[in-house]
C-alpha atoms as a PDB file:
ATOM      1  CA  MET A   1     -19.599  -1.082  14.655  1.00  0.00           C
ATOM      2  CA  ASN A   2     -21.467  -0.872  17.831  1.00  0.00           C
ATOM      3  CA  ASP A   3     -22.382   1.861  19.131  1.00  0.00           C
ATOM      4  CA  PHE A   4     -21.721   5.577  18.450  1.00  0.00           C
ATOM      5  CA  SER A   5     -18.217   5.761  20.825  1.00  0.00           C
ATOM      6  CA  ASP A   6     -16.965   2.626  18.687  1.00  0.00           C
ATOM      7  CA  ALA A   7     -17.215   5.602  15.795  1.00  0.00           C
ATOM      8  CA  ILE A   8     -16.245   8.554  17.560  1.00  0.00           C
ATOM      9  CA  ARG A   9     -12.808   6.892  18.829  1.00  0.00           C
ATOM     10  CA  ARG A  10     -12.127   6.094  14.772  1.00  0.00           C
ATOM     11  CA  LEU A  11     -12.630   9.473  14.169  1.00  0.00           C
ATOM     12  CA  HIS A  12     -10.393  10.984  16.907  1.00  0.00           C
ATOM     13  CA  HIS A  13      -8.001   8.231  16.457  1.00  0.00           C
ATOM     14  CA  PRO A  14      -8.217   7.423  12.309  1.00  0.00           C
ATOM     15  CA  PRO A  15      -6.270   4.438  11.119  1.00  0.00           C
ATOM     16  CA  CYS A  16      -3.179   5.140   8.762  1.00  0.00           C
ATOM     17  CA  LEU A  17      -3.708   5.704   5.011  1.00  0.00           C
ATOM     18  CA  ILE A  18      -1.803   3.687   2.456  1.00  0.00           C
ATOM     19  CA  TYR A  19      -2.001   6.134  -0.962  1.00  0.00           C
ATOM     20  CA  SER A  20      -0.351   3.685  -3.540  1.00  0.00           C
ATOM     21  CA  ILE A  21       0.607   4.468  -6.949  1.00  0.00           C
ATOM     22  CA  LEU A  22       1.012   1.729  -9.502  1.00  0.00           C
ATOM     23  CA  SER A  23       2.598   2.864 -12.870  1.00  0.00           C
ATOM     24  CA  GLN A  24       4.594   1.460 -15.358  1.00  0.00           C
ATOM     25  CA  ALA A  25       7.391   3.436 -17.666  1.00  0.00           C
ATOM     26  CA  TRP A  26       7.329   3.219 -21.364  1.00  0.00           C
ATOM     27  CA  PRO A  27       9.219   0.141 -22.784  1.00  0.00           C
ATOM     28  CA  ASP A  28      12.322   2.110 -23.755  1.00  0.00           C
ATOM     29  CA  LEU A  29      13.229   3.727 -20.315  1.00  0.00           C
ATOM     30  CA  SER A  30      15.793   1.789 -18.561  1.00  0.00           C
ATOM     31  CA  GLU A  31      14.783   0.366 -15.272  1.00  0.00           C
ATOM     32  CA  GLY A  32      17.367   2.064 -13.516  1.00  0.00           C
ATOM     33  CA  GLU A  33      16.733   5.682 -14.602  1.00  0.00           C
ATOM     34  CA  TYR A  34      13.070   5.129 -14.209  1.00  0.00           C
ATOM     35  CA  THR A  35      13.957   3.896 -10.641  1.00  0.00           C
ATOM     36  CA  GLU A  36      16.086   6.829  -9.700  1.00  0.00           C
ATOM     37  CA  ASN A  37      13.703   9.566 -10.681  1.00  0.00           C
ATOM     38  CA  LEU A  38      11.367   7.585  -8.319  1.00  0.00           C
ATOM     39  CA  LEU A  39      13.174   7.896  -5.786  1.00  0.00           C
ATOM     40  CA  ALA A  40      14.303  11.369  -6.238  1.00  0.00           C
ATOM     41  CA  LEU A  41      10.842  11.977  -5.988  1.00  0.00           C
ATOM     42  CA  HIS A  42      10.515  10.881  -2.634  1.00  0.00           C
ATOM     43  CA  GLY A  43      13.312  13.206  -1.594  1.00  0.00           C
ATOM     44  CA  ARG A  44      11.896  16.071  -3.000  1.00  0.00           C
ATOM     45  CA  ILE A  45       8.048  15.205  -1.538  1.00  0.00           C
ATOM     46  CA  ARG A  46       9.888  14.016   1.768  1.00  0.00           C
ATOM     47  CA  LEU A  47      12.025  17.840   1.759  1.00  0.00           C
ATOM     48  CA  GLU A  48       8.674  19.855   0.979  1.00  0.00           C
ATOM     49  CA  THR A  49       6.300  18.148   3.161  1.00  0.00           C
ATOM     50  CA  HIS A  50       8.574  18.630   6.134  1.00  0.00           C
ATOM     51  CA  ARG A  51       9.005  22.101   5.309  1.00  0.00           C
ATOM     52  CA  PHE A  52       5.387  23.098   4.746  1.00  0.00           C
ATOM     53  CA  ALA A  53       5.233  21.073   8.767  1.00  0.00           C
ATOM     54  CA  GLY A  54       7.284  23.133  10.295  1.00  0.00           C
ATOM     55  CA  ALA A  55       5.855  26.877   8.668  1.00  0.00           C
ATOM     56  CA  LEU A  56       2.308  25.764  10.049  1.00  0.00           C
ATOM     57  CA  ALA A  57       4.050  24.351  13.565  1.00  0.00           C
ATOM     58  CA  GLU A  58       5.470  27.822  14.009  1.00  0.00           C
ATOM     59  CA  LEU A  59       1.764  29.387  12.631  1.00  0.00           C
ATOM     60  CA  GLU A  60       0.920  27.663  15.594  1.00  0.00           C
ATOM     61  CA  ALA A  61       3.018  28.500  18.010  1.00  0.00           C
ATOM     62  CA  GLY A  62       2.848  32.240  17.125  1.00  0.00           C
ATOM     63  CA  PRO A  63      -0.255  34.565  17.839  1.00  0.00           C
ATOM     64  CA  SER A  64      -2.110  34.791  14.926  1.00  0.00           C
ATOM     65  CA  THR A  65      -5.285  33.315  15.110  1.00  0.00           C
ATOM     66  CA  SER A  66      -5.953  32.132  12.075  1.00  0.00           C
ATOM     67  CA  LEU A  67      -5.255  28.447  12.562  1.00  0.00           C
ATOM     68  CA  GLY A  68      -8.749  28.725  14.970  1.00  0.00           C
ATOM     69  CA  HIS A  69     -10.222  27.815  11.167  1.00  0.00           C
ATOM     70  CA  PHE A  70      -8.302  24.315  10.682  1.00  0.00           C
ATOM     71  CA  ARG A  71     -11.026  21.695  12.082  1.00  0.00           C
ATOM     72  CA  PRO A  72      -9.847  19.784  15.249  1.00  0.00           C
ATOM     73  CA  GLN A  73      -8.755  16.660  13.856  1.00  0.00           C
ATOM     74  CA  ALA A  74      -6.232  18.384  11.426  1.00  0.00           C
ATOM     75  CA  ASP A  75      -2.677  18.914  13.467  1.00  0.00           C
ATOM     76  CA  PRO A  76      -0.544  20.123  11.171  1.00  0.00           C
ATOM     77  CA  ARG A  77       2.385  17.672  13.632  1.00  0.00           C
ATOM     78  CA  ARG A  78       0.561  14.597  11.797  1.00  0.00           C
ATOM     79  CA  TYR A  79       0.551  15.497   8.300  1.00  0.00           C
ATOM     80  CA  PRO A  80       3.660  14.736   6.691  1.00  0.00           C
ATOM     81  CA  PRO A  81       3.908  11.405   5.538  1.00  0.00           C
ATOM     82  CA  GLN A  82       4.990   8.664   8.097  1.00  0.00           C
ATOM     83  CA  ASP A  83       6.717   6.823   6.187  1.00  0.00           C
ATOM     84  CA  SER A  84       7.340   6.018   1.599  1.00  0.00           C
ATOM     85  CA  ARG A  85       8.050   3.058  -0.096  1.00  0.00           C
ATOM     86  CA  GLN A  86       9.109   1.735  -3.255  1.00  0.00           C
ATOM     87  CA  TYR A  87       8.616  -2.215  -4.814  1.00  0.00           C
ATOM     88  CA  ARG A  88       9.149  -3.403  -8.210  1.00  0.00           C
ATOM     89  CA  PHE A  89       7.416  -5.898  -9.423  1.00  0.00           C
ATOM     90  CA  VAL A  90       8.312  -9.529 -10.435  1.00  0.00           C
ATOM     91  CA  PHE A  91       7.766 -12.436 -12.527  1.00  0.00           C
ATOM     92  CA  PRO A  92       9.825 -15.435 -11.375  1.00  0.00           C
ATOM     93  CA  GLU A  93       9.004 -18.754 -13.836  1.00  0.00           C
ATOM     94  CA  ARG A  94      10.249 -21.175 -11.050  1.00  0.00           C
ATOM     95  CA  GLY A  95       8.711 -21.843  -7.397  1.00  0.00           C
ATOM     96  CA  SER A  96       6.824 -24.146  -5.099  1.00  0.00           C
ATOM     97  CA  PRO A  97       3.516 -25.039  -6.834  1.00  0.00           C
ATOM     98  CA  SER A  98       0.851 -22.902  -5.016  1.00  0.00           C
ATOM     99  CA  LEU A  99       3.070 -20.129  -6.031  1.00  0.00           C
ATOM    100  CA  LEU A 100       2.589 -21.053 -10.116  1.00  0.00           C
ATOM    101  CA  ARG A 101      -1.031 -21.423  -9.591  1.00  0.00           C
ATOM    102  CA  TYR A 102      -1.727 -18.105  -8.107  1.00  0.00           C
ATOM    103  CA  LEU A 103       0.850 -16.178  -9.914  1.00  0.00           C
ATOM    104  CA  PRO A 104      -0.753 -16.435 -13.417  1.00  0.00           C
ATOM    105  CA  GLU A 105      -3.785 -14.683 -11.789  1.00  0.00           C
ATOM    106  CA  GLY A 106      -1.795 -11.997 -10.593  1.00  0.00           C
ATOM    107  CA  LYS A 107      -0.553 -11.248 -14.085  1.00  0.00           C
ATOM    108  CA  LYS A 108      -4.408 -11.587 -14.992  1.00  0.00           C
ATOM    109  CA  TYR A 109      -5.586  -8.814 -12.187  1.00  0.00           C
ATOM    110  CA  LEU A 110      -2.642  -6.507 -13.360  1.00  0.00           C
ATOM    111  CA  GLU A 111      -3.575  -6.641 -16.726  1.00  0.00           C
ATOM    112  CA  LYS A 112      -7.101  -5.822 -15.940  1.00  0.00           C
ATOM    113  CA  LEU A 113      -5.920  -2.329 -14.294  1.00  0.00           C
ATOM    114  CA  GLY A 114      -4.258  -1.672 -17.846  1.00  0.00           C
ATOM    115  CA  PHE A 115      -0.991  -2.836 -17.553  1.00  0.00           C
ATOM    116  CA  ALA A 116       1.290  -5.437 -18.998  1.00  0.00           C
ATOM    117  CA  PRO A 117       2.903  -7.415 -16.660  1.00  0.00           C
ATOM    118  CA  GLY A 118       6.630  -9.018 -17.900  1.00  0.00           C
ATOM    119  CA  MET A 119       6.658  -6.527 -20.838  1.00  0.00           C
ATOM    120  CA  PRO A 120       9.299  -3.847 -21.267  1.00  0.00           C
ATOM    121  CA  GLY A 121       8.535  -1.176 -19.269  1.00  0.00           C
ATOM    122  CA  THR A 122       9.029  -1.600 -15.299  1.00  0.00           C
ATOM    123  CA  LEU A 123       6.395  -2.164 -13.786  1.00  0.00           C
ATOM    124  CA  GLN A 124       6.187  -0.637  -9.644  1.00  0.00           C
ATOM    125  CA  GLU A 125       4.329   0.644  -7.052  1.00  0.00           C
ATOM    126  CA  THR A 126       4.694   3.524  -4.820  1.00  0.00           C
ATOM    127  CA  GLU A 127       3.171   4.133  -1.192  1.00  0.00           C
ATOM    128  CA  PHE A 128       2.895   7.162   1.283  1.00  0.00           C
ATOM    129  CA  HIS A 129       1.938   6.414   4.192  1.00  0.00           C
ATOM    130  CA  LEU A 130      -0.172   9.101   6.138  1.00  0.00           C
ATOM    131  CA  SER A 131      -2.175   9.356   9.518  1.00  0.00           C
ATOM    132  CA  GLY A 132      -5.721  10.217   8.762  1.00  0.00           C
ATOM    133  CA  SER A 133      -7.913  11.628   5.925  1.00  0.00           C
ATOM    134  CA  PRO A 134      -7.070  15.134   6.538  1.00  0.00           C
ATOM    135  CA  ALA A 135      -2.998  14.621   5.523  1.00  0.00           C
ATOM    136  CA  LEU A 136      -4.703  14.380   1.857  1.00  0.00           C
ATOM    137  CA  ASP A 137      -5.431  17.954   1.447  1.00  0.00           C
ATOM    138  CA  PHE A 138      -1.669  18.426   2.714  1.00  0.00           C
ATOM    139  CA  MET A 139       0.152  16.369   0.420  1.00  0.00           C
ATOM    140  CA  GLU A 140      -1.921  17.762  -2.709  1.00  0.00           C
ATOM    141  CA  ILE A 141      -0.909  21.269  -1.760  1.00  0.00           C
ATOM    142  CA  VAL A 142       2.275  19.753  -1.499  1.00  0.00           C
ATOM    143  CA  VAL A 143       2.835  17.026  -4.521  1.00  0.00           C
ATOM    144  CA  ARG A 144       0.672  19.397  -6.891  1.00  0.00           C
ATOM    145  CA  ASP A 145       2.042  23.243  -6.194  1.00  0.00           C
ATOM    146  CA  MET A 146       4.775  22.862  -4.297  1.00  0.00           C
ATOM    147  CA  VAL A 147       6.696  19.917  -6.090  1.00  0.00           C
ATOM    148  CA  GLY A 148       4.488  21.110  -9.469  1.00  0.00           C
ATOM    149  CA  ILE A 149       3.772  18.308 -11.496  1.00  0.00           C
ATOM    150  CA  ASP A 150       4.868  19.173 -15.027  1.00  0.00           C
ATOM    151  CA  ARG A 151       8.252  20.531 -13.751  1.00  0.00           C
ATOM    152  CA  GLY A 152      11.540  19.255 -12.205  1.00  0.00           C
ATOM    153  CA  VAL A 153      11.636  15.132 -10.946  1.00  0.00           C
ATOM    154  CA  HIS A 154       7.717  15.080 -11.027  1.00  0.00           C
ATOM    155  CA  GLY A 155       7.315  16.356 -14.459  1.00  0.00           C
ATOM    156  CA  LYS A 156       9.999  13.717 -15.784  1.00  0.00           C
ATOM    157  CA  GLN A 157       8.397  10.893 -14.054  1.00  0.00           C
ATOM    158  CA  ILE A 158       4.867  11.681 -15.440  1.00  0.00           C
ATOM    159  CA  ARG A 159       6.758  12.359 -18.875  1.00  0.00           C
ATOM    160  CA  ALA A 160       8.263   8.474 -18.841  1.00  0.00           C
ATOM    161  CA  LEU A 161       4.672   6.498 -17.770  1.00  0.00           C
ATOM    162  CA  SER A 162       2.751   4.457 -20.360  1.00  0.00           C
ATOM    163  CA  ASN A 163       0.399   3.806 -17.640  1.00  0.00           C
ATOM    164  CA  VAL A 164      -0.644   4.662 -13.864  1.00  0.00           C
ATOM    165  CA  GLY A 165      -3.128   3.635 -11.007  1.00  0.00           C
ATOM    166  CA  PHE A 166      -4.388   4.940  -7.819  1.00  0.00           C
ATOM    167  CA  VAL A 167      -5.558   3.287  -4.992  1.00  0.00           C
ATOM    168  CA  LEU A 168      -6.285   5.042  -1.021  1.00  0.00           C
ATOM    169  CA  ARG A 169      -6.389   2.069   1.578  1.00  0.00           C
ATOM    170  CA  ASN A 170      -6.810   1.639   5.524  1.00  0.00           C
ATOM    171  CA  LEU A 171      -4.026  -0.284   7.153  1.00  0.00           C
ATOM    172  CA  VAL A 172      -6.583  -2.783   9.047  1.00  0.00           C
ATOM    173  CA  LEU A 173      -3.766  -4.804  10.849  1.00  0.00           C
ATOM    174  CA  GLU A 174      -0.253  -5.053  10.939  1.00  0.00           C
ATOM    175  CA  LEU A 175       1.823  -8.723  12.518  1.00  0.00           C
ATOM    176  CA  GLY A 176       5.101  -9.205  13.480  1.00  0.00           C
ATOM    177  CA  LYS A 177       8.351  -6.819  12.559  1.00  0.00           C
ATOM    178  CA  ARG A 178       9.103  -5.132   9.126  1.00  0.00           C
ATOM    179  CA  ARG A 179      12.505  -5.428   8.003  1.00  0.00           C
ATOM    180  CA  PRO A 180      13.984  -2.151   7.145  1.00  0.00           C
ATOM    181  CA  ASP A 181      16.038  -3.969   4.207  1.00  0.00           C
ATOM    182  CA  SER A 182      15.569  -4.951   0.794  1.00  0.00           C
ATOM    183  CA  HIS A 183      13.392  -8.102   0.983  1.00  0.00           C
ATOM    184  CA  PRO A 184      10.718  -9.955  -0.779  1.00  0.00           C
ATOM    185  CA  TRP A 185       7.061  -9.648  -0.758  1.00  0.00           C
ATOM    186  CA  ALA A 186       4.006 -11.531  -1.562  1.00  0.00           C
ATOM    187  CA  VAL A 187       0.971  -9.593  -2.028  1.00  0.00           C
ATOM    188  CA  LEU A 188      -2.513 -11.347  -2.447  1.00  0.00           C
ATOM    189  CA  TYR A 189      -5.385  -9.394  -3.770  1.00  0.00           C
ATOM    190  CA  PHE A 190      -8.866 -10.370  -3.058  1.00  0.00           C
ATOM    191  CA  ASP A 191     -12.284  -8.884  -2.535  1.00  0.00           C
ATOM    192  CA  LYS A 192     -14.695 -10.451   0.638  1.00  0.00           C
ATOM    193  CA  PRO A 193     -16.125 -13.761  -0.163  1.00  0.00           C
ATOM    194  CA  GLY A 194     -19.553 -14.359  -0.437  1.00  0.00           C
ATOM    195  CA  THR A 195     -22.473 -12.345  -1.269  1.00  0.00           C
ATOM    196  CA  PRO A 196     -23.138  -9.193   0.020  1.00  0.00           C
ATOM    197  CA  GLY A 197     -23.994  -9.410   3.867  1.00  0.00           C
ATOM    198  CA  THR A 198     -23.385 -13.205   3.780  1.00  0.00           C
ATOM    199  CA  ILE A 199     -20.216 -12.561   5.861  1.00  0.00           C
ATOM    200  CA  THR A 200     -20.159  -9.502   7.799  1.00  0.00           C
ATOM    201  CA  TYR A 201     -15.982  -7.911   7.552  1.00  0.00           C
ATOM    202  CA  ASP A 202     -16.161  -8.066  11.235  1.00  0.00           C
ATOM    203  CA  ILE A 203     -16.093 -11.870  10.695  1.00  0.00           C
ATOM    204  CA  PHE A 204     -14.258 -12.223   7.693  1.00  0.00           C
ATOM    205  CA  ARG A 205     -11.554 -10.182   9.614  1.00  0.00           C
ATOM    206  CA  ALA A 206     -11.461 -11.737  12.633  1.00  0.00           C
ATOM    207  CA  ALA A 207     -10.685 -15.020  10.778  1.00  0.00           C
ATOM    208  CA  LEU A 208      -8.039 -13.311   8.547  1.00  0.00           C
ATOM    209  CA  ARG A 209      -6.432 -12.196  11.439  1.00  0.00           C
ATOM    210  CA  THR A 210      -6.629 -15.865  13.122  1.00  0.00           C
ATOM    211  CA  LEU A 211      -4.780 -17.186  10.259  1.00  0.00           C
ATOM    212  CA  LEU A 212      -2.211 -15.112  10.110  1.00  0.00           C
ATOM    213  CA  GLU A 213      -1.550 -15.084  13.728  1.00  0.00           C
ATOM    214  CA  ASP A 214      -1.209 -18.763  13.892  1.00  0.00           C
ATOM    215  CA  HIS A 215       1.422 -18.900  10.674  1.00  0.00           C
ATOM    216  CA  LEU A 216       3.233 -15.729  12.117  1.00  0.00           C
ATOM    217  CA  GLU A 217       3.765 -17.995  15.439  1.00  0.00           C
ATOM    218  CA  ARG A 218       4.838 -21.153  12.640  1.00  0.00           C
ATOM    219  CA  GLY A 219       7.408 -18.953  10.822  1.00  0.00           C
ATOM    220  CA  SER A 220       5.879 -18.516   7.385  1.00  0.00           C
ATOM    221  CA  PHE A 221       6.944 -15.459   7.744  1.00  0.00           C
ATOM    222  CA  SER A 222       8.162 -12.267   9.751  1.00  0.00           C
ATOM    223  CA  HIS A 223       5.840  -9.465   8.859  1.00  0.00           C
ATOM    224  CA  VAL A 224       2.800  -9.147   7.292  1.00  0.00           C
ATOM    225  CA  CYS A 225      -0.090  -6.243   6.966  1.00  0.00           C
ATOM    226  CA  LEU A 226      -3.633  -6.257   6.172  1.00  0.00           C
ATOM    227  CA  HIS A 227      -4.651  -3.337   3.482  1.00  0.00           C
ATOM    228  CA  GLN A 228      -8.832  -2.609   2.476  1.00  0.00           C
ATOM    229  CA  ARG A 229      -9.478   0.028  -0.167  1.00  0.00           C
ATOM    230  CA  LYS A 230     -11.702   2.854   1.289  1.00  0.00           C
ATOM    231  CA  LEU A 231     -14.456   2.804   0.196  1.00  0.00           C
ATOM    232  CA  GLY A 232     -15.088   3.897  -3.655  1.00  0.00           C
ATOM    233  CA  LEU A 233     -11.478   4.996  -3.259  1.00  0.00           C
ATOM    234  CA  GLY A 234      -9.655   3.167  -6.086  1.00  0.00           C
ATOM    235  CA  LEU A 235      -9.187   0.484  -8.387  1.00  0.00           C
ATOM    236  CA  GLY A 236      -9.130  -3.016  -7.786  1.00  0.00           C
ATOM    237  CA  ALA A 237      -9.911  -5.009  -5.531  1.00  0.00           C
ATOM    238  CA  GLU A 238     -10.783  -4.395  -1.930  1.00  0.00           C
ATOM    239  CA  PHE A 239      -8.012  -5.921   0.051  1.00  0.00           C
ATOM    240  CA  SER A 240      -4.680  -6.521  -0.813  1.00  0.00           C
ATOM    241  CA  LEU A 241      -2.279  -8.498   1.742  1.00  0.00           C
ATOM    242  CA  ARG A 242       1.541  -7.815   2.096  1.00  0.00           C
ATOM    243  CA  ILE A 243       3.978 -10.608   3.265  1.00  0.00           C
ATOM    244  CA  GLN A 244       7.380  -9.975   3.905  1.00  0.00           C
ATOM    245  CA  LEU A 245       9.886 -13.280   2.803  1.00  0.00           C
ATOM    246  CA  PRO A 246      13.351 -12.484   4.423  1.00  0.00           C
ATOM    247  CA  LEU A 247      13.929 -15.836   3.033  1.00  0.00           C
ATOM    248  CA  GLY A 248      12.778 -15.344  -0.245  1.00  0.00           C
ATOM    249  CA  LEU A 249      10.358 -17.804  -1.890  1.00  0.00           C
ATOM    250  CA  ASP A 250      10.957 -20.379   0.272  1.00  0.00           C
ATOM    251  CA  PRO A 251       8.545 -23.679   1.402  1.00  0.00           C
ATOM    252  CA  LYS A 252       6.790 -21.922   4.049  1.00  0.00           C
ATOM    253  CA  LEU A 253       4.883 -19.570   1.575  1.00  0.00           C
ATOM    254  CA  ASP A 254       3.660 -22.585   0.297  1.00  0.00           C
ATOM    255  CA  THR A 255       1.848 -23.449   2.914  1.00  0.00           C
ATOM    256  CA  PHE A 256       0.288 -20.298   4.243  1.00  0.00           C
ATOM    257  CA  LEU A 257      -1.327 -20.397   0.715  1.00  0.00           C
ATOM    258  CA  HIS A 258      -2.540 -23.745   1.099  1.00  0.00           C
ATOM    259  CA  ASP A 259      -3.776 -23.186   4.449  1.00  0.00           C
ATOM    260  CA  LEU A 260      -5.419 -20.196   2.823  1.00  0.00           C
ATOM    261  CA  PHE A 261      -7.371 -21.188   0.044  1.00  0.00           C
ATOM    262  CA  HIS A 262      -8.403 -24.325   2.354  1.00  0.00           C
ATOM    263  CA  GLU A 263      -9.381 -23.233   5.323  1.00  0.00           C
ATOM    264  CA  GLU A 264     -12.685 -23.402   6.228  1.00  0.00           C
ATOM    265  CA  GLY A 265     -15.010 -20.845   7.746  1.00  0.00           C
ATOM    266  CA  ALA A 266     -15.430 -17.610   6.479  1.00  0.00           C
ATOM    267  CA  LEU A 267     -12.271 -18.499   4.305  1.00  0.00           C
ATOM    268  CA  GLU A 268     -13.386 -21.328   2.457  1.00  0.00           C
ATOM    269  CA  ALA A 269     -14.679 -19.360  -0.317  1.00  0.00           C
ATOM    270  CA  LEU A 270     -11.629 -17.060  -0.295  1.00  0.00           C
ATOM    271  CA  ARG A 271      -9.975 -16.604  -4.192  1.00  0.00           C
ATOM    272  CA  PHE A 272      -6.719 -14.340  -4.576  1.00  0.00           C
ATOM    273  CA  ALA A 273      -4.636 -12.861  -7.484  1.00  0.00           C
ATOM    274  CA  LEU A 274      -0.949 -13.281  -6.011  1.00  0.00           C
ATOM    275  CA  ALA A 275       2.081 -10.869  -7.311  1.00  0.00           C
ATOM    276  CA  ILE A 276       5.651 -10.793  -6.389  1.00  0.00           C
ATOM    277  CA  GLN A 277       7.389  -7.667  -5.443  1.00  0.00           C
ATOM    278  CA  GLU A 278      10.928  -6.696  -4.327  1.00  0.00           C
ATOM    279  CA  GLU A 279      11.264  -3.358  -2.004  1.00  0.00           C
ATOM    280  CA  ILE A 280      13.642  -1.219  -3.437  1.00  0.00           C
ATOM    281  CA  VAL A 281      15.062   1.265  -0.245  1.00  0.00           C
ATOM    282  CA  VAL A 282      14.373   4.425  -0.516  1.00  0.00           C
ATOM    283  CA  PRO A 283      17.171   6.714   1.285  1.00  0.00           C
END
């Protein structure tokens, strides 16, 4: 960040936030039942957020002056999640050399977070895409007070959890066109390489973007997005890279993983863990 104008611009145009919830069900609960309840929770949260946002918009349009206390960037029309998504982790036993090399690292990564990958009890990830940090206050009110964490679909989902973890990330970049139907995803978890101060975030993100743009043009994948954990907010690696694979685990993914690991310059020392997810369509 070179000057105050860039900082002020970012305050007025905040990045998309991804509120991610990793959760694993109890082993005796079927994946179908757990997923059905999670999808019902998506629908209930969506209903309540739009009802709440509508009430705020009506209040803003009325004669009341109470909205004068809102912070300037907290526009009620920006509150509801832009999107919500659901994924399930899968653990294939066959694949390309790079896939087989890095999938064990993905299992170790999830185990360090307290989960039991590959064991009974479906392991899934829920995402809510929000616009700016004021939306987090809005979501807390909706989820805790309007939906309720101890009753209904949310209470049922809470009682089904054997473990859960939360992380808040910024959407740093997004390339290509995301396909809305169900497709597998490769998810890479990593930290910025090098000792603190040896590689700046600007240089690292620029080098990674160059590599991603090159492989997007080569058809290695159709869509990719880079998430960076907000400072101190959440568990796990600082970065996650989501790669949509409309053709499944084809050799092009292997080529990309090879180039990512062997790329010179800012990415030379990059080490990552790999997980495979299948997207569950949210109605």
